């Protein structure tokens, strides 16, 4: 779904840019040499816009109270997240709870924190 959502966002941008209704897009997966068509459904567009609005609301709220939303603590969702390192480090640094994040696949967090502060990478 993530890739389809990205195609839908591109079709919205193309529709706006060229002032024509773009109703579908193509996904091409290099590693499997498979091409997949993606139709733009109104319900998908509404769902993406609602998620965007939720994210914008959370960002504005976080900037006002200087606090990010709670960590999801869901290994299935967090494992593939592009922000896992930053999120886990933020949770570790700001959390007052002694327990870990519950994400057992994140190992050696102390070493990771050291690398972030010393070398600016994890």
PDB file of N, CA and C in Angstrom:
ATOM      1  N   UNK A   1       0.823  -1.203   0.000  1.00  0.00           N
ATOM      2  CA  UNK A   1       0.000   0.000   0.000  1.00  0.00           C
ATOM      3  C   UNK A   1       0.858   1.253   0.000  1.00  0.00           C
ATOM      4  N   UNK A   2       2.021   1.208   0.653  1.00  0.00           N
ATOM      5  CA  UNK A   2       2.864   2.401   0.741  1.00  0.00           C
ATOM      6  C   UNK A   2       3.257   2.912  -0.642  1.00  0.00           C
ATOM      7  N   UNK A   3       3.623   1.998  -1.531  1.00  0.00           N
ATOM      8  CA  UNK A   3       4.019   2.410  -2.867  1.00  0.00           C
ATOM      9  C   UNK A   3       2.830   2.948  -3.651  1.00  0.00           C
ATOM     10  N   UNK A   4       1.690   2.318  -3.499  1.00  0.00           N
ATOM     11  CA  UNK A   4       0.486   2.797  -4.173  1.00  0.00           C
ATOM     12  C   UNK A   4       0.111   4.188  -3.685  1.00  0.00           C
ATOM     13  N   UNK A   5       0.250   4.411  -2.398  1.00  0.00           N
ATOM     14  CA  UNK A   5      -0.048   5.736  -1.848  1.00  0.00           C
ATOM     15  C   UNK A   5       0.868   6.786  -2.450  1.00  0.00           C
ATOM     16  N   UNK A   6       2.118   6.447  -2.653  1.00  0.00           N
ATOM     17  CA  UNK A   6       3.057   7.386  -3.244  1.00  0.00           C
ATOM     18  C   UNK A   6       2.658   7.700  -4.690  1.00  0.00           C
ATOM     19  N   UNK A   7       2.239   6.685  -5.432  1.00  0.00           N
ATOM     20  CA  UNK A   7       1.771   6.907  -6.803  1.00  0.00           C
ATOM     21  C   UNK A   7       0.540   7.804  -6.798  1.00  0.00           C
ATOM     22  N   UNK A   8      -0.382   7.571  -5.862  1.00  0.00           N
ATOM     23  CA  UNK A   8      -1.586   8.397  -5.777  1.00  0.00           C
ATOM     24  C   UNK A   8      -1.218   9.849  -5.487  1.00  0.00           C
ATOM     25  N   UNK A   9      -0.259  10.064  -4.591  1.00  0.00           N
ATOM     26  CA  UNK A   9       0.182  11.438  -4.311  1.00  0.00           C
ATOM     27  C   UNK A   9       0.777  12.089  -5.550  1.00  0.00           C
ATOM     28  N   UNK A  10       1.564  11.329  -6.315  1.00  0.00           N
ATOM     29  CA  UNK A  10       2.125  11.870  -7.557  1.00  0.00           C
ATOM     30  C   UNK A  10       1.027  12.193  -8.566  1.00  0.00           C
ATOM     31  N   UNK A  11      -0.019  11.374  -8.638  1.00  0.00           N
ATOM     32  CA  UNK A  11      -1.103  11.676  -9.573  1.00  0.00           C
ATOM     33  C   UNK A  11      -1.839  12.953  -9.162  1.00  0.00           C
ATOM     34  N   UNK A  12      -1.972  13.177  -7.862  1.00  0.00           N
ATOM     35  CA  UNK A  12      -2.594  14.424  -7.385  1.00  0.00           C
ATOM     36  C   UNK A  12      -1.739  15.612  -7.806  1.00  0.00           C
ATOM     37  N   UNK A  13      -0.422  15.499  -7.609  1.00  0.00           N
ATOM     38  CA  UNK A  13       0.479  16.591  -8.001  1.00  0.00           C
ATOM     39  C   UNK A  13       0.435  16.830  -9.514  1.00  0.00           C
ATOM     40  N   UNK A  14       0.421  15.752 -10.297  1.00  0.00           N
ATOM     41  CA  UNK A  14       0.367  15.898 -11.743  1.00  0.00           C
ATOM     42  C   UNK A  14      -0.958  16.510 -12.187  1.00  0.00           C
ATOM     43  N   UNK A  15      -2.048  16.120 -11.567  1.00  0.00           N
ATOM     44  CA  UNK A  15      -3.355  16.693 -11.894  1.00  0.00           C
ATOM     45  C   UNK A  15      -3.363  18.195 -11.633  1.00  0.00           C
ATOM     46  N   UNK A  16      -2.772  18.575 -10.521  1.00  0.00           N
ATOM     47  CA  UNK A  16      -2.713  19.992 -10.177  1.00  0.00           C
ATOM     48  C   UNK A  16      -1.792  20.761 -11.109  1.00  0.00           C
ATOM     49  N   UNK A  17      -0.657  20.167 -11.443  1.00  0.00           N
ATOM     50  CA  UNK A  17       0.345  20.832 -12.288  1.00  0.00           C
ATOM     51  C   UNK A  17      -0.137  21.019 -13.721  1.00  0.00           C
ATOM     52  N   UNK A  18      -0.739  19.966 -14.297  1.00  0.00           N
ATOM     53  CA  UNK A  18      -1.122  20.002 -15.711  1.00  0.00           C
ATOM     54  C   UNK A  18      -2.605  20.295 -15.928  1.00  0.00           C
ATOM     55  N   UNK A  19      -3.339  20.547 -14.840  1.00  0.00           N
ATOM     56  CA  UNK A  19      -4.760  20.887 -14.898  1.00  0.00           C
ATOM     57  C   UNK A  19      -5.575  19.852 -15.676  1.00  0.00           C
ATOM     58  N   UNK A  20      -5.196  18.595 -15.524  1.00  0.00           N
ATOM     59  CA  UNK A  20      -5.931  17.478 -16.123  1.00  0.00           C
ATOM     60  C   UNK A  20      -6.090  16.399 -15.060  1.00  0.00           C
ATOM     61  N   UNK A  21      -7.194  15.689 -15.128  1.00  0.00           N
ATOM     62  CA  UNK A  21      -7.462  14.651 -14.150  1.00  0.00           C
ATOM     63  C   UNK A  21      -6.636  13.402 -14.471  1.00  0.00           C
ATOM     64  N   UNK A  22      -5.693  13.062 -13.603  1.00  0.00           N
ATOM     65  CA  UNK A  22      -4.885  11.846 -13.767  1.00  0.00           C
ATOM     66  C   UNK A  22      -5.515  10.777 -12.882  1.00  0.00           C
ATOM     67  N   UNK A  23      -6.015   9.726 -13.513  1.00  0.00           N
ATOM     68  CA  UNK A  23      -6.793   8.729 -12.779  1.00  0.00           C
ATOM     69  C   UNK A  23      -6.023   7.450 -12.450  1.00  0.00           C
ATOM     70  N   UNK A  24      -4.789   7.328 -12.945  1.00  0.00           N
ATOM     71  CA  UNK A  24      -4.026   6.110 -12.669  1.00  0.00           C
ATOM     72  C   UNK A  24      -2.535   6.387 -12.811  1.00  0.00           C
ATOM     73  N   UNK A  25      -1.747   5.459 -12.292  1.00  0.00           N
ATOM     74  CA  UNK A  25      -0.295   5.558 -12.382  1.00  0.00           C
ATOM     75  C   UNK A  25       0.294   4.158 -12.453  1.00  0.00           C
ATOM     76  N   UNK A  26       1.578   4.092 -12.700  1.00  0.00           N
ATOM     77  CA  UNK A  26       2.263   2.808 -12.818  1.00  0.00           C
ATOM     78  C   UNK A  26       3.360   2.690 -11.773  1.00  0.00           C
ATOM     79  N   UNK A  27       3.490   1.489 -11.251  1.00  0.00           N
ATOM     80  CA  UNK A  27       4.595   1.144 -10.358  1.00  0.00           C
ATOM     81  C   UNK A  27       5.463   0.134 -11.087  1.00  0.00           C
ATOM     82  N   UNK A  28       6.769   0.363 -11.072  1.00  0.00           N
ATOM     83  CA  UNK A  28       7.683  -0.603 -11.670  1.00  0.00           C
ATOM     84  C   UNK A  28       8.681  -1.008 -10.599  1.00  0.00           C
ATOM     85  N   UNK A  29       8.690  -2.297 -10.270  1.00  0.00           N
ATOM     86  CA  UNK A  29       9.598  -2.819  -9.266  1.00  0.00           C
ATOM     87  C   UNK A  29      10.838  -3.372  -9.954  1.00  0.00           C
ATOM     88  N   UNK A  30      11.976  -2.741  -9.716  1.00  0.00           N
ATOM     89  CA  UNK A  30      13.216  -3.137 -10.370  1.00  0.00           C
ATOM     90  C   UNK A  30      13.665  -4.538  -9.989  1.00  0.00           C
ATOM     91  N   UNK A  31      13.560  -4.879  -8.713  1.00  0.00           N
ATOM     92  CA  UNK A  31      14.081  -6.163  -8.247  1.00  0.00           C
ATOM     93  C   UNK A  31      13.290  -7.362  -8.760  1.00  0.00           C
ATOM     94  N   UNK A  32      12.026  -7.179  -9.116  1.00  0.00           N
ATOM     95  CA  UNK A  32      11.227  -8.294  -9.625  1.00  0.00           C
ATOM     96  C   UNK A  32      10.830  -8.117 -11.083  1.00  0.00           C
ATOM     97  N   UNK A  33      11.145  -6.959 -11.670  1.00  0.00           N
ATOM     98  CA  UNK A  33      10.815  -6.653 -13.065  1.00  0.00           C
ATOM     99  C   UNK A  33       9.305  -6.759 -13.310  1.00  0.00           C
ATOM    100  N   UNK A  34       8.517  -6.260 -12.336  1.00  0.00           N
ATOM    101  CA  UNK A  34       7.061  -6.311 -12.419  1.00  0.00           C
ATOM    102  C   UNK A  34       6.524  -4.888 -12.501  1.00  0.00           C
ATOM    103  N   UNK A  35       5.586  -4.678 -13.417  1.00  0.00           N
ATOM    104  CA  UNK A  35       4.901  -3.399 -13.539  1.00  0.00           C
ATOM    105  C   UNK A  35       3.472  -3.582 -13.042  1.00  0.00           C
ATOM    106  N   UNK A  36       3.012  -2.628 -12.215  1.00  0.00           N
ATOM    107  CA  UNK A  36       1.682  -2.739 -11.621  1.00  0.00           C
ATOM    108  C   UNK A  36       0.951  -1.417 -11.795  1.00  0.00           C
ATOM    109  N   UNK A  37      -0.267  -1.480 -12.294  1.00  0.00           N
ATOM    110  CA  UNK A  37      -1.079  -0.280 -12.432  1.00  0.00           C
ATOM    111  C   UNK A  37      -1.768   0.063 -11.123  1.00  0.00           C
ATOM    112  N   UNK A  38      -1.928   1.355 -10.869  1.00  0.00           N
ATOM    113  CA  UNK A  38      -2.597   1.809  -9.651  1.00  0.00           C
ATOM    114  C   UNK A  38      -3.683   2.796 -10.033  1.00  0.00           C
ATOM    115  N   UNK A  39      -4.922   2.474  -9.693  1.00  0.00           N
ATOM    116  CA  UNK A  39      -6.035   3.377  -9.939  1.00  0.00           C
ATOM    117  C   UNK A  39      -6.192   4.329  -8.762  1.00  0.00           C
ATOM    118  N   UNK A  40      -6.542   5.562  -9.078  1.00  0.00           N
ATOM    119  CA  UNK A  40      -6.755   6.558  -8.030  1.00  0.00           C
ATOM    120  C   UNK A  40      -8.236   6.542  -7.675  1.00  0.00           C
ATOM    121  N   UNK A  41      -8.519   6.089  -6.473  1.00  0.00           N
ATOM    122  CA  UNK A  41      -9.902   6.079  -5.987  1.00  0.00           C
ATOM    123  C   UNK A  41     -10.096   7.243  -5.028  1.00  0.00           C
ATOM    124  N   UNK A  42     -11.268   7.805  -5.064  1.00  0.00           N
ATOM    125  CA  UNK A  42     -11.584   8.955  -4.208  1.00  0.00           C
ATOM    126  C   UNK A  42     -11.360   8.617  -2.733  1.00  0.00           C
ATOM    127  N   UNK A  43     -11.725   7.417  -2.322  1.00  0.00           N
ATOM    128  CA  UNK A  43     -11.581   7.024  -0.919  1.00  0.00           C
ATOM    129  C   UNK A  43     -10.100   6.995  -0.512  1.00  0.00           C
ATOM    130  N   UNK A  44      -9.217   6.564  -1.423  1.00  0.00           N
ATOM    131  CA  UNK A  44      -7.779   6.553  -1.128  1.00  0.00           C
ATOM    132  C   UNK A  44      -7.230   7.971  -0.981  1.00  0.00           C
ATOM    133  N   UNK A  45      -7.689   8.858  -1.882  1.00  0.00           N
ATOM    134  CA  UNK A  45      -7.235  10.253  -1.812  1.00  0.00           C
ATOM    135  C   UNK A  45      -7.701  10.883  -0.501  1.00  0.00           C
ATOM    136  N   UNK A  46      -8.953  10.654  -0.137  1.00  0.00           N
ATOM    137  CA  UNK A  46      -9.470  11.204   1.122  1.00  0.00           C
ATOM    138  C   UNK A  46      -8.698  10.659   2.319  1.00  0.00           C
ATOM    139  N   UNK A  47      -8.397   9.359   2.303  1.00  0.00           N
ATOM    140  CA  UNK A  47      -7.621   8.766   3.393  1.00  0.00           C
ATOM    141  C   UNK A  47      -6.237   9.382   3.517  1.00  0.00           C
ATOM    142  N   UNK A  48      -5.573   9.597   2.386  1.00  0.00           N
ATOM    143  CA  UNK A  48      -4.241  10.217   2.416  1.00  0.00           C
ATOM    144  C   UNK A  48      -4.298  11.649   2.919  1.00  0.00           C
ATOM    145  N   UNK A  49      -5.311  12.382   2.485  1.00  0.00           N
ATOM    146  CA  UNK A  49      -5.447  13.775   2.936  1.00  0.00           C
ATOM    147  C   UNK A  49      -5.745  13.817   4.436  1.00  0.00           C
ATOM    148  N   UNK A  50      -6.566  12.879   4.913  1.00  0.00           N
ATOM    149  CA  UNK A  50      -6.846  12.830   6.354  1.00  0.00           C
ATOM    150  C   UNK A  50      -5.580  12.522   7.153  1.00  0.00           C
ATOM    151  N   UNK A  51      -4.764  11.575   6.679  1.00  0.00           N
ATOM    152  CA  UNK A  51      -3.491  11.262   7.355  1.00  0.00           C
ATOM    153  C   UNK A  51      -2.566  12.464   7.337  1.00  0.00           C
ATOM    154  N   UNK A  52      -2.523  13.167   6.216  1.00  0.00           N
ATOM    155  CA  UNK A  52      -1.698  14.370   6.116  1.00  0.00           C
ATOM    156  C   UNK A  52      -2.152  15.407   7.131  1.00  0.00           C
ATOM    157  N   UNK A  53      -3.468  15.583   7.257  1.00  0.00           N
ATOM    158  CA  UNK A  53      -4.001  16.546   8.218  1.00  0.00           C
ATOM    159  C   UNK A  53      -3.685  16.140   9.657  1.00  0.00           C
ATOM    160  N   UNK A  54      -3.760  14.845   9.950  1.00  0.00           N
ATOM    161  CA  UNK A  54      -3.400  14.364  11.290  1.00  0.00           C
ATOM    162  C   UNK A  54      -1.932  14.646  11.587  1.00  0.00           C
ATOM    163  N   UNK A  55      -1.081  14.386  10.606  1.00  0.00           N
ATOM    164  CA  UNK A  55       0.342  14.641  10.777  1.00  0.00           C
ATOM    165  C   UNK A  55       0.600  16.132  10.994  1.00  0.00           C
ATOM    166  N   UNK A  56      -0.029  16.966  10.187  1.00  0.00           N
ATOM    167  CA  UNK A  56       0.143  18.422  10.339  1.00  0.00           C
ATOM    168  C   UNK A  56      -0.333  18.873  11.717  1.00  0.00           C
ATOM    169  N   UNK A  57      -1.453  18.320  12.178  1.00  0.00           N
ATOM    170  CA  UNK A  57      -1.961  18.662  13.509  1.00  0.00           C
ATOM    171  C   UNK A  57      -0.963  18.257  14.594  1.00  0.00           C
ATOM    172  N   UNK A  58      -0.412  17.050  14.483  1.00  0.00           N
ATOM    173  CA  UNK A  58       0.563  16.581  15.478  1.00  0.00           C
ATOM    174  C   UNK A  58       1.825  17.435  15.466  1.00  0.00           C
ATOM    175  N   UNK A  59       2.266  17.861  14.289  1.00  0.00           N
ATOM    176  CA  UNK A  59       3.468  18.703  14.197  1.00  0.00           C
ATOM    177  C   UNK A  59       3.223  20.058  14.839  1.00  0.00           C
ATOM    178  N   UNK A  60       2.068  20.661  14.565  1.00  0.00           N
ATOM    179  CA  UNK A  60       1.744  21.960  15.177  1.00  0.00           C
ATOM    180  C   UNK A  60       1.634  21.817  16.690  1.00  0.00           C
ATOM    181  N   UNK A  61       0.960  20.760  17.133  1.00  0.00           N
ATOM    182  CA  UNK A  61       0.813  20.515  18.576  1.00  0.00           C
ATOM    183  C   UNK A  61       2.178  20.297  19.223  1.00  0.00           C
ATOM    184  N   UNK A  62       3.030  19.505  18.580  1.00  0.00           N
ATOM    185  CA  UNK A  62       4.364  19.235  19.123  1.00  0.00           C
ATOM    186  C   UNK A  62       5.191  20.508  19.200  1.00  0.00           C
ATOM    187  N   UNK A  63       5.052  21.382  18.225  1.00  0.00           N
ATOM    188  CA  UNK A  63       5.838  22.616  18.254  1.00  0.00           C
ATOM    189  C   UNK A  63       5.353  23.561  19.352  1.00  0.00           C
ATOM    190  N   UNK A  64       4.047  23.500  19.665  1.00  0.00           N
ATOM    191  CA  UNK A  64       3.515  24.356  20.726  1.00  0.00           C
ATOM    192  C   UNK A  64       3.922  23.884  22.111  1.00  0.00           C
ATOM    193  N   UNK A  65       3.821  22.568  22.345  1.00  0.00           N
ATOM    194  CA  UNK A  65       4.102  22.066  23.696  1.00  0.00           C
ATOM    195  C   UNK A  65       5.502  21.465  23.811  1.00  0.00           C
ATOM    196  N   UNK A  66       6.258  21.522  22.713  1.00  0.00           N
ATOM    197  CA  UNK A  66       7.637  21.018  22.694  1.00  0.00           C
ATOM    198  C   UNK A  66       7.717  19.555  23.088  1.00  0.00           C
ATOM    199  N   UNK A  67       6.765  18.748  22.587  1.00  0.00           N
ATOM    200  CA  UNK A  67       6.770  17.319  22.880  1.00  0.00           C
ATOM    201  C   UNK A  67       6.180  16.577  21.684  1.00  0.00           C
ATOM    202  N   UNK A  68       6.832  15.503  21.272  1.00  0.00           N
ATOM    203  CA  UNK A  68       6.345  14.691  20.165  1.00  0.00           C
ATOM    204  C   UNK A  68       5.317  13.687  20.652  1.00  0.00           C
ATOM    205  N   UNK A  69       4.505  13.128  19.734  1.00  0.00           N
ATOM    206  CA  UNK A  69       3.540  12.104  20.152  1.00  0.00           C
ATOM    207  C   UNK A  69       4.247  10.888  20.738  1.00  0.00           C
ATOM    208  N   UNK A  70       3.501  10.091  21.506  1.00  0.00           N
ATOM    209  CA  UNK A  70       4.071   8.887  22.107  1.00  0.00           C
ATOM    210  C   UNK A  70       4.523   7.919  21.023  1.00  0.00           C
ATOM    211  N   UNK A  71       5.529   7.121  21.360  1.00  0.00           N
ATOM    212  CA  UNK A  71       6.034   6.104  20.450  1.00  0.00           C
ATOM    213  C   UNK A  71       4.991   5.003  20.300  1.00  0.00           C
ATOM    214  N   UNK A  72       4.852   4.451  19.081  1.00  0.00           N
ATOM    215  CA  UNK A  72       3.838   3.429  18.830  1.00  0.00           C
ATOM    216  C   UNK A  72       4.106   2.125  19.563  1.00  0.00           C
ATOM    217  N   UNK A  73       5.374   1.756  19.734  1.00  0.00           N
ATOM    218  CA  UNK A  73       5.761   0.508  20.391  1.00  0.00           C
ATOM    219  C   UNK A  73       5.202  -0.714  19.674  1.00  0.00           C
ATOM    220  N   UNK A  74       5.171  -0.654  18.371  1.00  0.00           N
ATOM    221  CA  UNK A  74       4.656  -1.757  17.565  1.00  0.00           C
ATOM    222  C   UNK A  74       5.780  -2.287  16.680  1.00  0.00           C
ATOM    223  N   UNK A  75       6.383  -3.414  17.048  1.00  0.00           N
ATOM    224  CA  UNK A  75       7.497  -3.939  16.247  1.00  0.00           C
ATOM    225  C   UNK A  75       7.156  -4.112  14.776  1.00  0.00           C
ATOM    226  N   UNK A  76       5.931  -4.540  14.472  1.00  0.00           N
ATOM    227  CA  UNK A  76       5.578  -4.751  13.066  1.00  0.00           C
ATOM    228  C   UNK A  76       5.548  -3.437  12.292  1.00  0.00           C
ATOM    229  N   UNK A  77       5.101  -2.359  12.909  1.00  0.00           N
ATOM    230  CA  UNK A  77       5.048  -1.066  12.226  1.00  0.00           C
ATOM    231  C   UNK A  77       6.402  -0.354  12.281  1.00  0.00           C
ATOM    232  N   UNK A  78       7.084  -0.457  13.407  1.00  0.00           N
ATOM    233  CA  UNK A  78       8.328   0.296  13.591  1.00  0.00           C
ATOM    234  C   UNK A  78       9.503  -0.302  12.811  1.00  0.00           C
ATOM    235  N   UNK A  79       9.489  -1.600  12.592  1.00  0.00           N
ATOM    236  CA  UNK A  79      10.641  -2.264  11.977  1.00  0.00           C
ATOM    237  C   UNK A  79      10.970  -1.706  10.598  1.00  0.00           C
ATOM    238  N   UNK A  80       9.974  -1.343   9.824  1.00  0.00           N
ATOM    239  CA  UNK A  80      10.209  -0.829   8.482  1.00  0.00           C
ATOM    240  C   UNK A  80      10.205   0.689   8.388  1.00  0.00           C
ATOM    241  N   UNK A  81      10.114   1.364   9.506  1.00  0.00           N
ATOM    242  CA  UNK A  81      10.016   2.830   9.499  1.00  0.00           C
ATOM    243  C   UNK A  81      11.370   3.469   9.208  1.00  0.00           C
ATOM    244  N   UNK A  82      11.341   4.506   8.388  1.00  0.00           N
ATOM    245  CA  UNK A  82      12.566   5.217   8.033  1.00  0.00           C
ATOM    246  C   UNK A  82      13.089   6.078   9.191  1.00  0.00           C
ATOM    247  N   UNK A  83      12.252   6.327  10.168  1.00  0.00           N
ATOM    248  CA  UNK A  83      12.632   7.196  11.284  1.00  0.00           C
ATOM    249  C   UNK A  83      12.900   6.407  12.559  1.00  0.00           C
ATOM    250  N   UNK A  84      13.118   5.101  12.431  1.00  0.00           N
ATOM    251  CA  UNK A  84      13.273   4.247  13.607  1.00  0.00           C
ATOM    252  C   UNK A  84      14.415   4.698  14.503  1.00  0.00           C
ATOM    253  N   UNK A  85      15.581   4.970  13.934  1.00  0.00           N
ATOM    254  CA  UNK A  85      16.723   5.375  14.759  1.00  0.00           C
ATOM    255  C   UNK A  85      16.438   6.665  15.518  1.00  0.00           C
ATOM    256  N   UNK A  86      15.964   7.678  14.805  1.00  0.00           N
ATOM    257  CA  UNK A  86      15.700   8.969  15.444  1.00  0.00           C
ATOM    258  C   UNK A  86      14.603   8.838  16.492  1.00  0.00           C
ATOM    259  N   UNK A  87      13.562   8.100  16.173  1.00  0.00           N
ATOM    260  CA  UNK A  87      12.445   7.935  17.098  1.00  0.00           C
ATOM    261  C   UNK A  87      12.889   7.186  18.360  1.00  0.00           C
ATOM    262  N   UNK A  88      13.635   6.112  18.175  1.00  0.00           N
ATOM    263  CA  UNK A  88      14.089   5.312  19.308  1.00  0.00           C
ATOM    264  C   UNK A  88      15.042   6.110  20.194  1.00  0.00           C
ATOM    265  N   UNK A  89      15.935   6.848  19.568  1.00  0.00           N
ATOM    266  CA  UNK A  89      16.874   7.675  20.334  1.00  0.00           C
ATOM    267  C   UNK A  89      16.121   8.754  21.098  1.00  0.00           C
ATOM    268  N   UNK A  90      15.170   9.413  20.435  1.00  0.00           N
ATOM    269  CA  UNK A  90      14.371  10.449  21.108  1.00  0.00           C
ATOM    270  C   UNK A  90      13.629   9.838  22.292  1.00  0.00           C
ATOM    271  N   UNK A  91      13.033   8.666  22.087  1.00  0.00           N
ATOM    272  CA  UNK A  91      12.311   7.992  23.164  1.00  0.00           C
ATOM    273  C   UNK A  91      13.249   7.664  24.325  1.00  0.00           C
ATOM    274  N   UNK A  92      14.432   7.164  23.989  1.00  0.00           N
ATOM    275  CA  UNK A  92      15.400   6.771  25.025  1.00  0.00           C
ATOM    276  C   UNK A  92      15.879   7.986  25.822  1.00  0.00           C
ATOM    277  N   UNK A  93      16.127   9.085  25.130  1.00  0.00           N
ATOM    278  CA  UNK A  93      16.662  10.279  25.779  1.00  0.00           C
ATOM    279  C   UNK A  93      15.605  10.995  26.618  1.00  0.00           C
ATOM    280  N   UNK A  94      14.366  11.057  26.120  1.00  0.00           N
ATOM    281  CA  UNK A  94      13.347  11.856  26.799  1.00  0.00           C
ATOM    282  C   UNK A  94      12.457  11.058  27.733  1.00  0.00           C
ATOM    283  N   UNK A  95      12.485   9.729  27.646  1.00  0.00           N
ATOM    284  CA  UNK A  95      11.573   8.922  28.437  1.00  0.00           C
ATOM    285  C   UNK A  95      11.981   8.909  29.909  1.00  0.00           C
ATOM    286  N   UNK A  96      10.983   9.034  30.763  1.00  0.00           N
ATOM    287  CA  UNK A  96      11.225   8.933  32.207  1.00  0.00           C
ATOM    288  C   UNK A  96      10.975   7.513  32.696  1.00  0.00           C
ATOM    289  N   UNK A  97      10.504   6.658  31.794  1.00  0.00           N
ATOM    290  CA  UNK A  97      10.219   5.269  32.132  1.00  0.00           C
ATOM    291  C   UNK A  97      11.512   4.466  32.054  1.00  0.00           C
ATOM    292  N   UNK A  98      11.722   3.607  33.017  1.00  0.00           N
ATOM    293  CA  UNK A  98      12.937   2.803  33.063  1.00  0.00           C
ATOM    294  C   UNK A  98      12.907   1.709  31.999  1.00  0.00           C
ATOM    295  N   UNK A  99      11.716   1.215  31.642  1.00  0.00           N
ATOM    296  CA  UNK A  99      11.587   0.135  30.672  1.00  0.00           C
ATOM    297  C   UNK A  99      12.045   0.602  29.295  1.00  0.00           C
ATOM    298  N   UNK A 100      12.418  -0.357  28.474  1.00  0.00           N
ATOM    299  CA  UNK A 100      12.814  -0.033  27.107  1.00  0.00           C
ATOM    300  C   UNK A 100      11.575   0.294  26.287  1.00  0.00           C
ATOM    301  N   UNK A 101      11.803   0.579  25.036  1.00  0.00           N
ATOM    302  CA  UNK A 101      10.708   0.915  24.135  1.00  0.00           C
ATOM    303  C   UNK A 101       9.831  -0.296  23.834  1.00  0.00           C
ATOM    304  N   UNK A 102      10.295  -1.483  24.143  1.00  0.00           N
ATOM    305  CA  UNK A 102       9.556  -2.687  23.805  1.00  0.00           C
ATOM    306  C   UNK A 102       9.893  -3.205  22.430  1.00  0.00           C
ATOM    307  N   UNK A 103      10.791  -2.533  21.742  1.00  0.00           N
ATOM    308  CA  UNK A 103      11.198  -2.950  20.411  1.00  0.00           C
ATOM    309  C   UNK A 103      12.460  -3.773  20.538  1.00  0.00           C
ATOM    310  N   UNK A 104      12.294  -5.059  20.704  1.00  0.00           N
ATOM    311  CA  UNK A 104      13.415  -5.946  20.994  1.00  0.00           C
ATOM    312  C   UNK A 104      14.429  -6.049  19.861  1.00  0.00           C
ATOM    313  N   UNK A 105      14.036  -5.709  18.646  1.00  0.00           N
ATOM    314  CA  UNK A 105      14.980  -5.806  17.538  1.00  0.00           C
ATOM    315  C   UNK A 105      15.957  -4.634  17.519  1.00  0.00           C
ATOM    316  N   UNK A 106      15.706  -3.591  18.308  1.00  0.00           N
ATOM    317  CA  UNK A 106      16.657  -2.489  18.422  1.00  0.00           C
ATOM    318  C   UNK A 106      17.653  -2.880  19.495  1.00  0.00           C
ATOM    319  N   UNK A 107      18.864  -3.230  19.097  1.00  0.00           N
ATOM    320  CA  UNK A 107      19.864  -3.696  20.031  1.00  0.00           C
ATOM    321  C   UNK A 107      20.968  -2.658  20.192  1.00  0.00           C
ATOM    322  N   UNK A 108      21.657  -2.738  21.302  1.00  0.00           N
ATOM    323  CA  UNK A 108      22.803  -1.870  21.582  1.00  0.00           C
ATOM    324  C   UNK A 108      22.452  -0.390  21.455  1.00  0.00           C
ATOM    325  N   UNK A 109      21.347   0.028  22.058  1.00  0.00           N
ATOM    326  CA  UNK A 109      20.926   1.418  21.940  1.00  0.00           C
ATOM    327  C   UNK A 109      21.946   2.366  22.568  1.00  0.00           C
ATOM    328  N   UNK A 110      22.616   1.930  23.636  1.00  0.00           N
ATOM    329  CA  UNK A 110      23.622   2.791  24.242  1.00  0.00           C
ATOM    330  C   UNK A 110      24.759   3.052  23.254  1.00  0.00           C
ATOM    331  N   UNK A 111      25.183   2.010  22.523  1.00  0.00           N
ATOM    332  CA  UNK A 111      26.221   2.187  21.512  1.00  0.00           C
ATOM    333  C   UNK A 111      25.736   3.106  20.408  1.00  0.00           C
ATOM    334  N   UNK A 112      24.487   2.938  20.014  1.00  0.00           N
ATOM    335  CA  UNK A 112      23.913   3.778  18.971  1.00  0.00           C
ATOM    336  C   UNK A 112      23.894   5.235  19.424  1.00  0.00           C
ATOM    337  N   UNK A 113      23.493   5.483  20.673  1.00  0.00           N
ATOM    338  CA  UNK A 113      23.484   6.844  21.202  1.00  0.00           C
ATOM    339  C   UNK A 113      24.884   7.446  21.187  1.00  0.00           C
ATOM    340  N   UNK A 114      25.875   6.636  21.548  1.00  0.00           N
ATOM    341  CA  UNK A 114      27.246   7.108  21.537  1.00  0.00           C
ATOM    342  C   UNK A 114      27.667   7.512  20.136  1.00  0.00           C
ATOM    343  N   UNK A 115      27.351   6.684  19.152  1.00  0.00           N
ATOM    344  CA  UNK A 115      27.693   7.009  17.773  1.00  0.00           C
ATOM    345  C   UNK A 115      26.987   8.265  17.289  1.00  0.00           C
ATOM    346  N   UNK A 116      25.730   8.437  17.689  1.00  0.00           N
ATOM    347  CA  UNK A 116      24.990   9.622  17.264  1.00  0.00           C
ATOM    348  C   UNK A 116      25.638  10.879  17.821  1.00  0.00           C
ATOM    349  N   UNK A 117      25.978  10.855  19.104  1.00  0.00           N
ATOM    350  CA  UNK A 117      26.539  12.048  19.710  1.00  0.00           C
ATOM    351  C   UNK A 117      27.979  12.309  19.272  1.00  0.00           C
ATOM    352  N   UNK A 118      28.734  11.266  18.982  1.00  0.00           N
ATOM    353  CA  UNK A 118      30.136  11.435  18.602  1.00  0.00           C
ATOM    354  C   UNK A 118      30.298  11.597  17.099  1.00  0.00           C
ATOM    355  N   UNK A 119      29.664  10.713  16.332  1.00  0.00           N
ATOM    356  CA  UNK A 119      29.875  10.700  14.885  1.00  0.00           C
ATOM    357  C   UNK A 119      28.675  11.182  14.096  1.00  0.00           C
ATOM    358  N   UNK A 120      27.579  11.534  14.754  1.00  0.00           N
ATOM    359  CA  UNK A 120      26.360  11.983  14.126  1.00  0.00           C
ATOM    360  C   UNK A 120      25.790  10.944  13.159  1.00  0.00           C
ATOM    361  N   UNK A 121      25.921   9.674  13.498  1.00  0.00           N
ATOM    362  CA  UNK A 121      25.304   8.605  12.714  1.00  0.00           C
ATOM    363  C   UNK A 121      25.050   7.399  13.598  1.00  0.00           C
ATOM    364  N   UNK A 122      24.168   6.521  13.145  1.00  0.00           N
ATOM    365  CA  UNK A 122      23.848   5.332  13.919  1.00  0.00           C
ATOM    366  C   UNK A 122      23.980   4.115  13.047  1.00  0.00           C
TER     367      UNK A 122
END
